[in-house]
Amino acid sequence: MKNKIGFVAIVTLIGLAVLSTRYYMVDVPVWHFFGGGSGLDPATLHLQGEFVESNLGAAAQGPAGSITVRMIAQQFVFVPQCVVVPAGVPVKFRITSADAVHMLSFLGTNYGLKAVPGEVTEATFTFPKAGEFKIPCHEFCGAGHYAMRGHLNVVPRDQFATLLPGERRTCEPR
């Protein structure tokens, strides 16, 4: 009898240890399910609200020509996959995930963001010089993880077309 109780206790402890390492994949969705959060619904975030598809990409926001970039990370793509921003201007990134935890970084910089389902991650970065930065996912998110890549094109300020209110910018031709 003691062996059975000991075995159950060990299996329970191992299970709790595994779940505790997967906080964003298990605890956060469970917390939201029971009403503990007012975050986004990952299943419908692209249909309404801030992350509707027509609102993704770079947009003019606030003073001094600052830019806000809204993105969605989902298996196995960033939406939009390519974004254009001006050099030397504060760029506020707002990113969320539709399915799993993703970690994106801008290669060649120390900048990085974690996208979590149901949450919005926000960070402001300034890219001092023009250049192209690859954006790989650095959090294993499934079988297609190796192909999850995005691009950030930083262009000189004078080559960045002024955005009108409500206009969004990606790498696609205008």
N, C-alpha and C. Protein backbone atom coordinates (compact mmCIF):
# COMPACT_ATOMS: atom_id res chain seq x y z
N MET A 1 0.82 -1.19 0.00
CA MET A 1 0.00 0.00 0.00
C MET A 1 0.87 1.26 0.00
N LYS A 2 1.96 1.26 0.80
CA LYS A 2 2.85 2.41 0.85
C LYS A 2 3.51 2.66 -0.51
N ASN A 3 3.82 1.56 -1.21
CA ASN A 3 4.44 1.70 -2.53
C ASN A 3 3.50 2.40 -3.51
N LYS A 4 2.20 2.09 -3.45
CA LYS A 4 1.22 2.72 -4.34
C LYS A 4 1.09 4.20 -4.01
N ILE A 5 1.02 4.54 -2.75
CA ILE A 5 0.89 5.95 -2.35
C ILE A 5 2.15 6.72 -2.75
N GLY A 6 3.31 6.12 -2.54
CA GLY A 6 4.56 6.76 -2.94
C GLY A 6 4.63 6.97 -4.45
N PHE A 7 4.19 5.96 -5.21
CA PHE A 7 4.19 6.07 -6.67
C PHE A 7 3.26 7.19 -7.12
N VAL A 8 2.07 7.27 -6.59
CA VAL A 8 1.10 8.32 -6.94
C VAL A 8 1.66 9.69 -6.57
N ALA A 9 2.29 9.80 -5.42
CA ALA A 9 2.88 11.08 -5.00
C ALA A 9 3.99 11.52 -5.96
N ILE A 10 4.83 10.59 -6.37
CA ILE A 10 5.93 10.92 -7.29
C ILE A 10 5.37 11.34 -8.65
N VAL A 11 4.40 10.59 -9.17
CA VAL A 11 3.81 10.93 -10.47
C VAL A 11 3.13 12.31 -10.39
N THR A 12 2.45 12.59 -9.29
CA THR A 12 1.79 13.89 -9.11
C THR A 12 2.82 15.01 -9.08
N LEU A 13 3.90 14.84 -8.35
CA LEU A 13 4.95 15.86 -8.28
C LEU A 13 5.60 16.09 -9.64
N ILE A 14 5.85 15.04 -10.38
CA ILE A 14 6.44 15.18 -11.71
C ILE A 14 5.46 15.92 -12.63
N GLY A 15 4.20 15.56 -12.56
CA GLY A 15 3.18 16.24 -13.37
C GLY A 15 3.10 17.72 -13.05
N LEU A 16 3.13 18.08 -11.77
CA LEU A 16 3.10 19.49 -11.38
C LEU A 16 4.36 20.22 -11.83
N ALA A 17 5.50 19.56 -11.78
CA ALA A 17 6.74 20.18 -12.24
C ALA A 17 6.68 20.47 -13.74
N VAL A 18 6.17 19.52 -14.52
CA VAL A 18 6.05 19.72 -15.97
C VAL A 18 5.08 20.86 -16.26
N LEU A 19 3.93 20.88 -15.62
CA LEU A 19 2.94 21.94 -15.85
C LEU A 19 3.47 23.31 -15.44
N SER A 20 4.27 23.37 -14.40
CA SER A 20 4.78 24.66 -13.95
C SER A 20 5.78 25.24 -14.95
N THR A 21 6.43 24.41 -15.73
CA THR A 21 7.35 24.92 -16.75
C THR A 21 6.62 25.38 -18.00
N ARG A 22 5.37 25.04 -18.13
CA ARG A 22 4.57 25.42 -19.30
C ARG A 22 3.49 26.42 -18.89
N TYR A 23 3.83 27.36 -18.04
CA TYR A 23 2.89 28.33 -17.47
C TYR A 23 2.02 29.00 -18.53
N TYR A 24 2.64 29.53 -19.60
CA TYR A 24 1.89 30.28 -20.60
C TYR A 24 1.00 29.39 -21.45
N MET A 25 1.33 28.09 -21.54
CA MET A 25 0.53 27.20 -22.36
C MET A 25 -0.59 26.54 -21.56
N VAL A 26 -0.46 26.47 -20.26
CA VAL A 26 -1.45 25.77 -19.45
C VAL A 26 -2.15 26.71 -18.48
N ASP A 27 -1.40 27.35 -17.61
CA ASP A 27 -2.01 28.14 -16.54
C ASP A 27 -2.76 29.37 -17.05
N VAL A 28 -2.18 30.12 -17.98
CA VAL A 28 -2.85 31.33 -18.45
C VAL A 28 -4.18 31.00 -19.13
N PRO A 29 -4.24 30.04 -20.08
CA PRO A 29 -5.54 29.72 -20.67
C PRO A 29 -6.56 29.21 -19.65
N VAL A 30 -6.12 28.42 -18.68
CA VAL A 30 -7.03 27.94 -17.64
C VAL A 30 -7.53 29.12 -16.81
N TRP A 31 -6.62 30.05 -16.46
CA TRP A 31 -6.98 31.24 -15.70
C TRP A 31 -8.05 32.05 -16.44
N HIS A 32 -7.86 32.24 -17.75
CA HIS A 32 -8.84 32.99 -18.54
C HIS A 32 -10.16 32.23 -18.66
N PHE A 33 -10.09 30.90 -18.77
CA PHE A 33 -11.31 30.10 -18.88
C PHE A 33 -12.20 30.28 -17.66
N PHE A 34 -11.60 30.36 -16.49
CA PHE A 34 -12.37 30.51 -15.27
C PHE A 34 -12.64 31.98 -14.93
N GLY A 35 -12.43 32.87 -15.89
CA GLY A 35 -12.78 34.27 -15.69
C GLY A 35 -11.74 35.09 -14.97
N GLY A 36 -10.52 34.61 -14.89
CA GLY A 36 -9.49 35.33 -14.16
C GLY A 36 -8.79 36.39 -14.97
N GLY A 37 -9.12 36.53 -16.23
CA GLY A 37 -8.44 37.53 -17.03
C GLY A 37 -9.38 38.17 -18.03
N SER A 38 -9.06 39.36 -18.41
CA SER A 38 -9.88 40.06 -19.39
C SER A 38 -9.10 40.21 -20.69
N GLY A 39 -8.19 39.29 -20.95
CA GLY A 39 -7.35 39.37 -22.13
C GLY A 39 -8.12 39.04 -23.40
N LEU A 40 -7.37 39.00 -24.48
CA LEU A 40 -7.93 38.70 -25.78
C LEU A 40 -8.32 37.24 -25.89
N ASP A 41 -9.31 36.97 -26.73
CA ASP A 41 -9.66 35.59 -27.04
C ASP A 41 -8.84 35.19 -28.26
N PRO A 42 -7.85 34.31 -28.12
CA PRO A 42 -6.98 33.96 -29.24
C PRO A 42 -7.73 33.42 -30.45
N ALA A 43 -8.89 32.82 -30.23
CA ALA A 43 -9.64 32.25 -31.34
C ALA A 43 -10.29 33.31 -32.22
N THR A 44 -10.57 34.49 -31.68
CA THR A 44 -11.28 35.51 -32.45
C THR A 44 -10.54 36.84 -32.55
N LEU A 45 -9.28 36.90 -32.12
CA LEU A 45 -8.59 38.18 -32.08
C LEU A 45 -8.44 38.84 -33.45
N HIS A 46 -8.41 38.06 -34.52
CA HIS A 46 -8.25 38.64 -35.86
C HIS A 46 -9.59 39.10 -36.46
N LEU A 47 -10.69 38.88 -35.75
CA LEU A 47 -12.01 39.24 -36.26
C LEU A 47 -12.55 40.56 -35.72
N GLN A 48 -12.08 40.97 -34.55
CA GLN A 48 -12.59 42.20 -33.94
C GLN A 48 -11.54 42.80 -33.03
N GLY A 49 -11.66 44.10 -32.79
CA GLY A 49 -10.76 44.76 -31.87
C GLY A 49 -9.45 45.20 -32.50
N GLU A 50 -8.47 45.40 -31.66
CA GLU A 50 -7.18 45.96 -32.07
C GLU A 50 -6.44 45.12 -33.10
N PHE A 51 -6.57 43.81 -33.04
CA PHE A 51 -5.78 42.94 -33.90
C PHE A 51 -6.55 42.41 -35.11
N VAL A 52 -7.60 43.12 -35.50
CA VAL A 52 -8.32 42.76 -36.72
C VAL A 52 -7.33 42.89 -37.88
N GLU A 53 -7.46 42.05 -38.90
CA GLU A 53 -6.44 41.96 -39.95
C GLU A 53 -6.15 43.30 -40.63
N SER A 54 -7.13 44.14 -40.81
CA SER A 54 -6.90 45.43 -41.49
C SER A 54 -6.14 46.42 -40.61
N ASN A 55 -5.91 46.10 -39.33
CA ASN A 55 -5.22 47.00 -38.40
C ASN A 55 -3.78 46.54 -38.12
N LEU A 56 -3.33 45.49 -38.81
CA LEU A 56 -1.98 44.97 -38.57
C LEU A 56 -0.96 45.68 -39.43
N GLY A 57 0.27 45.77 -38.95
CA GLY A 57 1.35 46.44 -39.66
C GLY A 57 1.73 47.72 -38.94
N ALA A 58 2.46 48.60 -39.63
CA ALA A 58 2.93 49.85 -39.05
C ALA A 58 1.89 50.94 -39.27
N ALA A 59 1.66 51.72 -38.22
CA ALA A 59 0.71 52.84 -38.28
C ALA A 59 1.29 54.03 -37.55
N ALA A 60 1.00 55.23 -38.05
CA ALA A 60 1.45 56.45 -37.37
C ALA A 60 0.67 56.60 -36.08
N GLN A 61 1.37 56.88 -34.99
CA GLN A 61 0.75 57.04 -33.67
C GLN A 61 1.45 58.14 -32.93
N GLY A 62 0.71 58.96 -32.27
CA GLY A 62 1.28 59.88 -31.30
C GLY A 62 2.21 60.94 -31.86
N PRO A 63 2.96 61.55 -30.96
CA PRO A 63 3.79 62.70 -31.29
C PRO A 63 5.06 62.34 -32.04
N ALA A 64 5.60 63.33 -32.72
CA ALA A 64 6.91 63.25 -33.37
C ALA A 64 7.02 62.09 -34.36
N GLY A 65 5.90 61.71 -34.97
CA GLY A 65 5.95 60.67 -35.99
C GLY A 65 6.26 59.29 -35.48
N SER A 66 5.98 59.01 -34.21
CA SER A 66 6.24 57.67 -33.70
C SER A 66 5.33 56.66 -34.41
N ILE A 67 5.76 55.43 -34.43
CA ILE A 67 5.09 54.37 -35.17
C ILE A 67 4.66 53.26 -34.21
N THR A 68 3.48 52.71 -34.44
CA THR A 68 3.02 51.53 -33.71
C THR A 68 2.88 50.39 -34.69
N VAL A 69 3.49 49.24 -34.36
CA VAL A 69 3.41 48.04 -35.19
C VAL A 69 2.59 47.01 -34.42
N ARG A 70 1.53 46.54 -35.04
CA ARG A 70 0.71 45.48 -34.45
C ARG A 70 0.94 44.21 -35.25
N MET A 71 1.19 43.10 -34.51
CA MET A 71 1.46 41.81 -35.15
C MET A 71 0.77 40.69 -34.39
N ILE A 72 0.50 39.61 -35.11
CA ILE A 72 0.00 38.38 -34.51
C ILE A 72 1.01 37.28 -34.84
N ALA A 73 1.39 36.51 -33.84
CA ALA A 73 2.23 35.33 -34.06
C ALA A 73 1.32 34.12 -33.97
N GLN A 74 1.43 33.24 -34.94
CA GLN A 74 0.65 32.01 -34.92
C GLN A 74 1.44 30.94 -35.64
N GLN A 75 1.13 29.69 -35.33
CA GLN A 75 1.88 28.61 -35.95
C GLN A 75 1.65 28.66 -37.46
N PHE A 76 2.55 28.84 -38.23
CA PHE A 76 3.98 29.01 -38.13
C PHE A 76 4.37 30.26 -38.93
N VAL A 77 3.73 31.38 -38.58
CA VAL A 77 3.92 32.61 -39.34
C VAL A 77 3.67 33.83 -38.44
N PHE A 78 4.33 34.92 -38.78
CA PHE A 78 4.02 36.21 -38.18
C PHE A 78 3.12 36.96 -39.15
N VAL A 79 2.09 37.61 -38.65
CA VAL A 79 1.18 38.38 -39.51
C VAL A 79 1.21 39.83 -39.04
N PRO A 80 1.61 40.77 -39.89
CA PRO A 80 2.15 40.57 -41.23
C PRO A 80 3.56 39.99 -41.16
N GLN A 81 3.97 39.36 -42.24
CA GLN A 81 5.27 38.69 -42.24
C GLN A 81 6.42 39.68 -42.41
N CYS A 82 6.13 40.83 -42.99
CA CYS A 82 7.17 41.83 -43.22
C CYS A 82 6.61 43.21 -42.89
N VAL A 83 7.40 44.01 -42.18
CA VAL A 83 6.98 45.35 -41.77
C VAL A 83 8.08 46.34 -42.12
N VAL A 84 7.67 47.55 -42.51
CA VAL A 84 8.61 48.63 -42.82
C VAL A 84 8.44 49.73 -41.79
N VAL A 85 9.58 50.19 -41.22
CA VAL A 85 9.56 51.29 -40.24
C VAL A 85 10.71 52.25 -40.57
N PRO A 86 10.60 53.51 -40.13
CA PRO A 86 11.69 54.46 -40.38
C PRO A 86 12.80 54.34 -39.33
N ALA A 87 14.01 54.67 -39.73
CA ALA A 87 15.15 54.66 -38.82
C ALA A 87 15.09 55.87 -37.90
N GLY A 88 15.57 55.69 -36.67
CA GLY A 88 15.68 56.79 -35.72
C GLY A 88 14.37 57.26 -35.11
N VAL A 89 13.32 56.50 -35.26
CA VAL A 89 12.00 56.87 -34.73
C VAL A 89 11.58 55.79 -33.73
N PRO A 90 11.02 56.18 -32.58
CA PRO A 90 10.53 55.16 -31.65
C PRO A 90 9.42 54.32 -32.29
N VAL A 91 9.57 53.01 -32.23
CA VAL A 91 8.60 52.08 -32.79
C VAL A 91 8.03 51.25 -31.65
N LYS A 92 6.73 51.41 -31.41
CA LYS A 92 6.06 50.64 -30.36
C LYS A 92 5.49 49.37 -30.99
N PHE A 93 5.95 48.22 -30.52
CA PHE A 93 5.45 46.94 -30.99
C PHE A 93 4.37 46.45 -30.02
N ARG A 94 3.23 46.04 -30.58
CA ARG A 94 2.16 45.40 -29.81
C ARG A 94 1.90 44.07 -30.51
N ILE A 95 2.16 42.98 -29.78
CA ILE A 95 2.08 41.66 -30.39
C ILE A 95 1.34 40.71 -29.47
N THR A 96 0.62 39.78 -30.07
CA THR A 96 -0.07 38.73 -29.33
C THR A 96 0.06 37.44 -30.13
N SER A 97 -0.42 36.36 -29.55
CA SER A 97 -0.36 35.06 -30.20
C SER A 97 -1.76 34.49 -30.33
N ALA A 98 -1.97 33.76 -31.41
CA ALA A 98 -3.26 33.13 -31.65
C ALA A 98 -3.30 31.68 -31.17
N ASP A 99 -2.15 31.12 -30.76
CA ASP A 99 -2.18 29.68 -30.45
C ASP A 99 -1.20 29.21 -29.40
N ALA A 100 0.04 29.60 -29.48
CA ALA A 100 1.08 29.10 -28.56
C ALA A 100 2.00 30.25 -28.21
N VAL A 101 2.91 30.01 -27.29
CA VAL A 101 3.89 31.04 -26.94
C VAL A 101 4.95 31.10 -28.05
N HIS A 102 5.26 32.31 -28.48
CA HIS A 102 6.29 32.53 -29.49
C HIS A 102 7.26 33.58 -28.95
N MET A 103 8.52 33.46 -29.30
CA MET A 103 9.53 34.44 -28.90
C MET A 103 10.19 34.95 -30.17
N LEU A 104 10.00 36.23 -30.46
CA LEU A 104 10.64 36.76 -31.65
C LEU A 104 11.76 37.70 -31.27
N SER A 105 12.80 37.69 -32.09
CA SER A 105 13.92 38.59 -31.86
C SER A 105 14.31 39.19 -33.21
N PHE A 106 14.93 40.34 -33.14
CA PHE A 106 15.38 41.03 -34.35
C PHE A 106 16.87 40.77 -34.45
N LEU A 107 17.26 39.87 -35.36
CA LEU A 107 18.66 39.47 -35.46
C LEU A 107 19.54 40.68 -35.74
N GLY A 108 20.66 40.76 -35.04
CA GLY A 108 21.57 41.88 -35.17
C GLY A 108 21.33 42.95 -34.12
N THR A 109 20.32 42.74 -33.27
CA THR A 109 20.02 43.68 -32.18
C THR A 109 19.87 42.88 -30.89
N ASN A 110 19.68 43.58 -29.80
CA ASN A 110 19.37 42.92 -28.52
C ASN A 110 17.88 42.95 -28.23
N TYR A 111 17.07 43.28 -29.22
CA TYR A 111 15.63 43.42 -29.03
C TYR A 111 14.93 42.08 -29.19
N GLY A 112 13.92 41.84 -28.37
CA GLY A 112 13.12 40.63 -28.47
C GLY A 112 11.79 40.81 -27.76
N LEU A 113 10.80 40.01 -28.18
CA LEU A 113 9.45 40.06 -27.60
C LEU A 113 8.91 38.65 -27.46
N LYS A 114 8.11 38.42 -26.44
CA LYS A 114 7.43 37.14 -26.26
C LYS A 114 5.95 37.36 -26.52
N ALA A 115 5.39 36.59 -27.43
CA ALA A 115 3.97 36.65 -27.74
C ALA A 115 3.26 35.52 -27.00
N VAL A 116 2.26 35.89 -26.22
CA VAL A 116 1.55 34.94 -25.36
C VAL A 116 0.06 34.96 -25.73
N PRO A 117 -0.56 33.79 -25.89
CA PRO A 117 -1.99 33.77 -26.21
C PRO A 117 -2.82 34.50 -25.15
N GLY A 118 -3.72 35.35 -25.61
CA GLY A 118 -4.62 36.05 -24.70
C GLY A 118 -4.03 37.29 -24.05
N GLU A 119 -2.78 37.59 -24.31
CA GLU A 119 -2.11 38.75 -23.72
C GLU A 119 -1.49 39.60 -24.82
N VAL A 120 -1.33 40.89 -24.55
CA VAL A 120 -0.65 41.78 -25.49
C VAL A 120 0.69 42.15 -24.88
N THR A 121 1.76 41.89 -25.63
CA THR A 121 3.09 42.29 -25.20
C THR A 121 3.43 43.58 -25.92
N GLU A 122 3.92 44.55 -25.14
CA GLU A 122 4.23 45.85 -25.72
C GLU A 122 5.66 46.24 -25.36
N ALA A 123 6.38 46.76 -26.35
CA ALA A 123 7.75 47.25 -26.13
C ALA A 123 8.04 48.30 -27.18
N THR A 124 8.85 49.28 -26.82
CA THR A 124 9.24 50.33 -27.76
C THR A 124 10.73 50.23 -28.04
N PHE A 125 11.06 50.18 -29.32
CA PHE A 125 12.44 50.08 -29.76
C PHE A 125 12.72 51.20 -30.76
N THR A 126 13.96 51.63 -30.82
CA THR A 126 14.40 52.58 -31.84
C THR A 126 15.54 51.94 -32.61
N PHE A 127 15.38 51.88 -33.92
CA PHE A 127 16.41 51.31 -34.79
C PHE A 127 17.19 52.49 -35.37
N PRO A 128 18.45 52.70 -34.93
CA PRO A 128 19.18 53.90 -35.30
C PRO A 128 19.57 54.00 -36.78
N LYS A 129 19.79 52.84 -37.43
CA LYS A 129 20.22 52.86 -38.83
C LYS A 129 19.30 51.99 -39.68
N ALA A 130 19.31 52.32 -40.97
CA ALA A 130 18.54 51.53 -41.92
C ALA A 130 19.15 50.14 -42.06
N GLY A 131 18.33 49.17 -42.38
CA GLY A 131 18.80 47.81 -42.57
C GLY A 131 17.64 46.83 -42.59
N GLU A 132 17.95 45.59 -42.91
CA GLU A 132 16.93 44.55 -42.90
C GLU A 132 17.24 43.59 -41.76
N PHE A 133 16.23 43.33 -40.95
CA PHE A 133 16.39 42.46 -39.79
C PHE A 133 15.47 41.25 -39.95
N LYS A 134 16.06 40.09 -39.84
CA LYS A 134 15.25 38.86 -39.85
C LYS A 134 14.64 38.69 -38.47
N ILE A 135 13.42 38.14 -38.45
CA ILE A 135 12.71 37.93 -37.20
C ILE A 135 12.36 36.44 -37.08
N PRO A 136 13.24 35.64 -36.50
CA PRO A 136 12.90 34.22 -36.29
C PRO A 136 12.14 34.03 -34.97
N CYS A 137 11.43 32.93 -34.89
CA CYS A 137 10.78 32.54 -33.63
C CYS A 137 11.79 31.73 -32.83
N HIS A 138 11.98 32.10 -31.57
CA HIS A 138 12.96 31.41 -30.72
C HIS A 138 12.32 30.57 -29.62
N GLU A 139 11.02 30.32 -29.71
CA GLU A 139 10.33 29.47 -28.73
C GLU A 139 9.72 28.33 -29.53
N PHE A 140 10.09 27.10 -29.23
CA PHE A 140 9.56 25.97 -29.99
C PHE A 140 8.04 25.97 -29.94
N CYS A 141 7.42 26.00 -31.12
CA CYS A 141 5.96 26.12 -31.19
C CYS A 141 5.31 25.02 -32.01
N GLY A 142 6.06 24.02 -32.38
CA GLY A 142 5.48 22.90 -33.12
C GLY A 142 6.38 22.47 -34.27
N ALA A 143 5.84 21.56 -35.10
CA ALA A 143 6.62 20.94 -36.16
C ALA A 143 7.14 21.92 -37.20
N GLY A 144 6.43 23.00 -37.47
CA GLY A 144 6.86 23.97 -38.47
C GLY A 144 7.65 25.13 -37.89
N HIS A 145 8.06 25.02 -36.64
CA HIS A 145 8.78 26.10 -35.95
C HIS A 145 9.99 26.59 -36.73
N TYR A 146 10.74 25.69 -37.32
CA TYR A 146 11.97 26.05 -38.02
C TYR A 146 11.72 27.04 -39.16
N ALA A 147 10.51 27.06 -39.72
CA ALA A 147 10.21 27.92 -40.87
C ALA A 147 9.52 29.22 -40.47
N MET A 148 9.33 29.44 -39.18
CA MET A 148 8.62 30.64 -38.73
C MET A 148 9.57 31.83 -38.72
N ARG A 149 9.45 32.64 -39.75
CA ARG A 149 10.35 33.78 -39.92
C ARG A 149 9.56 35.00 -40.39
N GLY A 150 10.03 36.15 -39.99
CA GLY A 150 9.47 37.41 -40.46
C GLY A 150 10.62 38.33 -40.84
N HIS A 151 10.27 39.53 -41.32
CA HIS A 151 11.29 40.50 -41.73
C HIS A 151 10.87 41.88 -41.26
N LEU A 152 11.86 42.66 -40.87
CA LEU A 152 11.66 44.06 -40.53
C LEU A 152 12.60 44.86 -41.41
N ASN A 153 12.03 45.74 -42.22
CA ASN A 153 12.84 46.62 -43.05
C ASN A 153 12.85 47.99 -42.43
N VAL A 154 14.03 48.45 -42.04
CA VAL A 154 14.20 49.79 -41.49
C VAL A 154 14.77 50.65 -42.62
N VAL A 155 14.02 51.69 -43.00
CA VAL A 155 14.43 52.55 -44.10
C VAL A 155 14.79 53.92 -43.56
N PRO A 156 15.63 54.68 -44.30
CA PRO A 156 15.92 56.04 -43.85
C PRO A 156 14.63 56.84 -43.70
N ARG A 157 14.62 57.73 -42.75
CA ARG A 157 13.41 58.49 -42.43
C ARG A 157 12.83 59.20 -43.64
N ASP A 158 13.69 59.75 -44.49
CA ASP A 158 13.20 60.50 -45.66
C ASP A 158 12.62 59.59 -46.74
N GLN A 159 12.88 58.29 -46.67
CA GLN A 159 12.32 57.34 -47.63
C GLN A 159 11.05 56.67 -47.12
N PHE A 160 10.71 56.95 -45.88
CA PHE A 160 9.50 56.36 -45.30
C PHE A 160 8.33 57.28 -45.60
N ALA A 161 7.41 56.81 -46.42
CA ALA A 161 6.26 57.63 -46.79
C ALA A 161 5.42 57.95 -45.56
N THR A 162 4.97 59.18 -45.47
CA THR A 162 4.12 59.59 -44.36
C THR A 162 2.82 58.81 -44.40
N LEU A 163 2.43 58.27 -43.26
CA LEU A 163 1.20 57.49 -43.18
C LEU A 163 0.03 58.41 -42.83
N LEU A 164 -1.06 58.22 -43.52
CA LEU A 164 -2.28 58.95 -43.22
C LEU A 164 -2.97 58.29 -42.04
N PRO A 165 -3.83 59.02 -41.31
CA PRO A 165 -4.57 58.37 -40.22
C PRO A 165 -5.35 57.17 -40.74
N GLY A 166 -5.22 56.05 -40.06
CA GLY A 166 -5.91 54.83 -40.45
C GLY A 166 -5.17 54.00 -41.49
N GLU A 167 -4.07 54.53 -42.05
CA GLU A 167 -3.30 53.79 -43.05
C GLU A 167 -2.29 52.89 -42.34
N ARG A 168 -2.07 51.68 -42.89
CA ARG A 168 -1.12 50.72 -42.35
C ARG A 168 -0.04 50.46 -43.38
N ARG A 169 1.15 50.06 -42.92
CA ARG A 169 2.25 49.83 -43.84
C ARG A 169 2.88 48.48 -43.56
N THR A 170 3.05 47.69 -44.62
CA THR A 170 3.80 46.44 -44.59
C THR A 170 4.79 46.51 -45.76
N CYS A 171 5.48 45.44 -46.05
CA CYS A 171 6.46 45.43 -47.14
C CYS A 171 5.82 45.30 -48.51
N GLU A 172 4.54 45.03 -48.56
CA GLU A 172 3.88 44.87 -49.85
C GLU A 172 3.84 46.20 -50.59
N PRO A 173 3.94 46.15 -51.93
CA PRO A 173 3.93 47.40 -52.69
C PRO A 173 2.65 48.17 -52.47
N ARG A 174 2.79 49.48 -52.49
CA ARG A 174 1.62 50.34 -52.27
C ARG A 174 0.86 50.56 -53.54
